């Protein structure tokens, strides 16, 4: 329909109209792609954590409180939250590809677990499950989660956290 309308307009006008339309499409597309891509990545990340929490068949009270807070931090709407809880398996698992990205996510998750005052074995169990979900080997999760929680307790920044985690076996 747009092409038919443009045929009846002079060549100079057509060029101006096409330029304006192109600029608007470019601006909208970049913005829409960024917003929808970011939203989708957050939803997939949240669904992966729900999948980890559901690995034993239930979401306990501490996990539910953690998921509530995580949903808020990831800007997951209440409607999307409920939908993801019902159908978390429909979302792809996209664990971070690089070790540094895994450590960054571990840092964020450890801080949330710590901030939620999830205590003792529940704290360790939850963070171990999340660590496995991030792609860490299950045989290493005890050491990884212990170190991560100690560092978060010391209130280290992200760079120090990554450096300490990378050199924990040296």
Protein backbone atom coordinates (compact mmCIF):
# COMPACT_ATOMS: atom_id res chain seq x y z
CA UNK A 1 0.00 0.00 0.00
CA UNK A 2 2.85 2.38 0.79
CA UNK A 3 4.42 1.76 -2.62
CA UNK A 4 1.23 2.69 -4.47
CA UNK A 5 0.98 5.99 -2.61
CA UNK A 6 4.62 6.82 -3.29
CA UNK A 7 4.21 6.31 -7.05
CA UNK A 8 2.02 9.39 -7.33
CA UNK A 9 4.44 11.67 -5.48
CA UNK A 10 7.36 13.43 -7.13
CA UNK A 11 10.79 11.83 -7.05
CA UNK A 12 12.18 14.40 -4.59
CA UNK A 13 9.25 13.88 -2.25
CA UNK A 14 9.64 10.12 -2.51
CA UNK A 15 13.29 10.34 -1.47
CA UNK A 16 12.39 12.54 1.51
CA UNK A 17 9.55 10.26 2.57
CA UNK A 18 11.68 7.15 2.23
CA UNK A 19 14.46 8.83 4.25
CA UNK A 20 12.04 9.76 7.06
CA UNK A 21 10.42 6.32 7.08
CA UNK A 22 13.81 4.62 7.07
CA UNK A 23 15.04 6.74 9.97
CA UNK A 24 11.91 6.01 11.98
CA UNK A 25 12.13 2.29 11.28
CA UNK A 26 15.81 2.26 12.23
CA UNK A 27 15.16 4.07 15.50
CA UNK A 28 12.18 1.91 16.36
CA UNK A 29 13.88 -1.30 15.36
CA UNK A 30 17.00 -0.70 17.41
CA UNK A 31 14.97 0.30 20.44
CA UNK A 32 12.48 -2.54 20.02
CA UNK A 33 15.20 -5.10 19.41
CA UNK A 34 17.15 -3.97 22.45
CA UNK A 35 14.11 -3.91 24.73
CA UNK A 36 12.66 -7.19 23.52
CA UNK A 37 16.06 -8.91 23.41
CA UNK A 38 16.94 -7.75 26.90
CA UNK A 39 13.50 -8.74 28.21
CA UNK A 40 13.71 -12.15 26.54
CA UNK A 41 17.19 -12.80 27.94
CA UNK A 42 16.01 -11.88 31.45
CA UNK A 43 12.96 -14.15 31.10
CA UNK A 44 15.14 -17.02 29.86
CA UNK A 45 17.61 -16.47 32.69
CA UNK A 46 14.76 -16.40 35.22
CA UNK A 47 13.20 -19.56 33.71
CA UNK A 48 16.56 -21.34 33.95
CA UNK A 49 16.74 -20.48 37.65
CA UNK A 50 13.15 -21.65 38.14
CA UNK A 51 14.14 -24.91 36.42
CA UNK A 52 17.04 -25.28 38.86
CA UNK A 53 14.77 -24.54 41.83
CA UNK A 54 12.31 -27.16 40.54
CA UNK A 55 15.00 -29.79 40.08
CA UNK A 56 13.87 -31.53 43.29
CA UNK A 57 10.19 -31.22 42.33
CA UNK A 58 9.22 -28.38 44.67
CA UNK A 59 9.99 -24.75 45.33
CA UNK A 60 10.46 -24.30 49.08
CA UNK A 61 9.84 -21.06 50.96
CA UNK A 62 13.44 -19.82 50.71
CA UNK A 63 13.53 -20.53 46.98
CA UNK A 64 10.18 -18.78 46.49
CA UNK A 65 11.42 -15.68 48.34
CA UNK A 66 14.56 -15.74 46.22
CA UNK A 67 12.58 -16.09 42.99
CA UNK A 68 10.30 -13.22 44.00
CA UNK A 69 13.27 -10.96 44.56
CA UNK A 70 15.03 -12.11 41.40
CA UNK A 71 11.90 -11.46 39.33
CA UNK A 72 11.83 -7.91 40.67
CA UNK A 73 15.53 -7.40 39.92
CA UNK A 74 15.11 -8.73 36.37
CA UNK A 75 11.96 -6.65 35.75
CA UNK A 76 9.80 -9.72 35.24
CA UNK A 77 6.13 -8.72 35.31
CA UNK A 78 3.70 -10.56 37.57
CA UNK A 79 1.96 -12.05 34.53
CA UNK A 80 5.27 -13.25 33.03
CA UNK A 81 6.35 -14.56 36.45
CA UNK A 82 3.26 -16.74 36.73
CA UNK A 83 3.57 -17.92 33.13
CA UNK A 84 7.25 -18.85 33.60
CA UNK A 85 6.46 -20.77 36.80
CA UNK A 86 3.83 -22.77 34.90
CA UNK A 87 5.91 -23.40 31.79
CA UNK A 88 9.60 -22.86 32.61
CA UNK A 89 10.66 -25.72 30.35
CA UNK A 90 9.55 -23.82 27.25
CA UNK A 91 12.41 -21.35 27.71
CA UNK A 92 15.84 -22.24 26.36
CA UNK A 93 18.72 -22.78 28.74
CA UNK A 94 21.40 -20.27 27.87
CA UNK A 95 24.20 -20.66 30.39
CA UNK A 96 26.93 -18.07 30.05
CA UNK A 97 29.51 -19.19 27.52
CA UNK A 98 32.55 -17.63 29.12
CA UNK A 99 33.93 -18.40 32.55
CA UNK A 100 33.96 -14.69 33.42
CA UNK A 101 30.25 -14.37 32.56
CA UNK A 102 29.49 -17.39 34.77
CA UNK A 103 31.39 -15.77 37.61
CA UNK A 104 29.50 -12.50 37.10
CA UNK A 105 26.16 -14.30 37.34
CA UNK A 106 27.40 -16.29 40.33
CA UNK A 107 28.39 -13.02 42.00
CA UNK A 108 24.92 -11.54 41.45
CA UNK A 109 23.15 -14.70 42.61
CA UNK A 110 25.38 -15.12 45.68
CA UNK A 111 24.71 -11.51 46.67
CA UNK A 112 20.96 -12.08 46.33
CA UNK A 113 21.07 -15.29 48.37
CA UNK A 114 23.14 -13.47 51.01
CA UNK A 115 20.86 -10.40 51.00
CA UNK A 116 17.78 -12.60 51.41
CA UNK A 117 19.26 -13.90 54.68
CA UNK A 118 18.83 -17.48 53.60
CA UNK A 119 20.80 -19.23 56.32
CA UNK A 120 22.97 -22.32 56.67
CA UNK A 121 22.30 -25.46 54.66
CA UNK A 122 19.43 -23.86 52.74
CA UNK A 123 21.76 -21.10 51.58
CA UNK A 124 24.41 -23.57 50.44
CA UNK A 125 21.89 -25.92 48.83
CA UNK A 126 20.25 -23.13 46.83
CA UNK A 127 23.53 -21.65 45.66
CA UNK A 128 24.87 -25.12 44.73
CA UNK A 129 21.80 -25.72 42.57
CA UNK A 130 22.24 -22.32 40.93
CA UNK A 131 25.95 -22.97 40.35
CA UNK A 132 25.20 -26.20 38.53
CA UNK A 133 22.61 -24.32 36.48
CA UNK A 134 25.29 -21.81 35.53
CA UNK A 135 27.45 -24.60 34.17
CA UNK A 136 29.87 -25.27 37.01
CA UNK A 137 30.76 -28.93 37.53
CA UNK A 138 28.72 -30.53 40.31
CA UNK A 139 31.83 -31.93 42.01
CA UNK A 140 33.18 -28.38 42.40
CA UNK A 141 30.03 -26.64 43.63
CA UNK A 142 30.75 -27.13 47.32
CA UNK A 143 34.03 -25.23 47.02
CA UNK A 144 32.65 -22.66 44.59
CA UNK A 145 29.60 -21.80 46.69
CA UNK A 146 31.57 -21.71 49.93
CA UNK A 147 34.12 -19.32 48.43
CA UNK A 148 31.44 -17.20 46.74
CA UNK A 149 29.48 -16.75 49.97
CA UNK A 150 32.63 -15.88 51.93
CA UNK A 151 33.56 -13.23 49.37
CA UNK A 152 30.04 -11.79 49.30
CA UNK A 153 30.05 -11.70 53.10
CA UNK A 154 33.27 -9.64 52.89
CA UNK A 155 31.41 -7.28 50.53
CA UNK A 156 34.01 -7.50 47.75
CA UNK A 157 33.30 -5.85 44.39
CA UNK A 158 32.82 -7.79 41.16
CA UNK A 159 36.42 -7.49 39.99
CA UNK A 160 37.81 -8.75 43.29
CA UNK A 161 35.23 -11.56 43.31
CA UNK A 162 36.24 -12.74 39.85
CA UNK A 163 39.95 -12.56 40.65
CA UNK A 164 39.52 -14.44 43.92
CA UNK A 165 37.37 -17.13 42.32
CA UNK A 166 39.85 -17.61 39.48
CA UNK A 167 42.77 -17.98 41.88
CA UNK A 168 41.05 -19.96 44.65
CA UNK A 169 43.03 -23.13 43.87
CA UNK A 170 46.43 -21.50 43.71
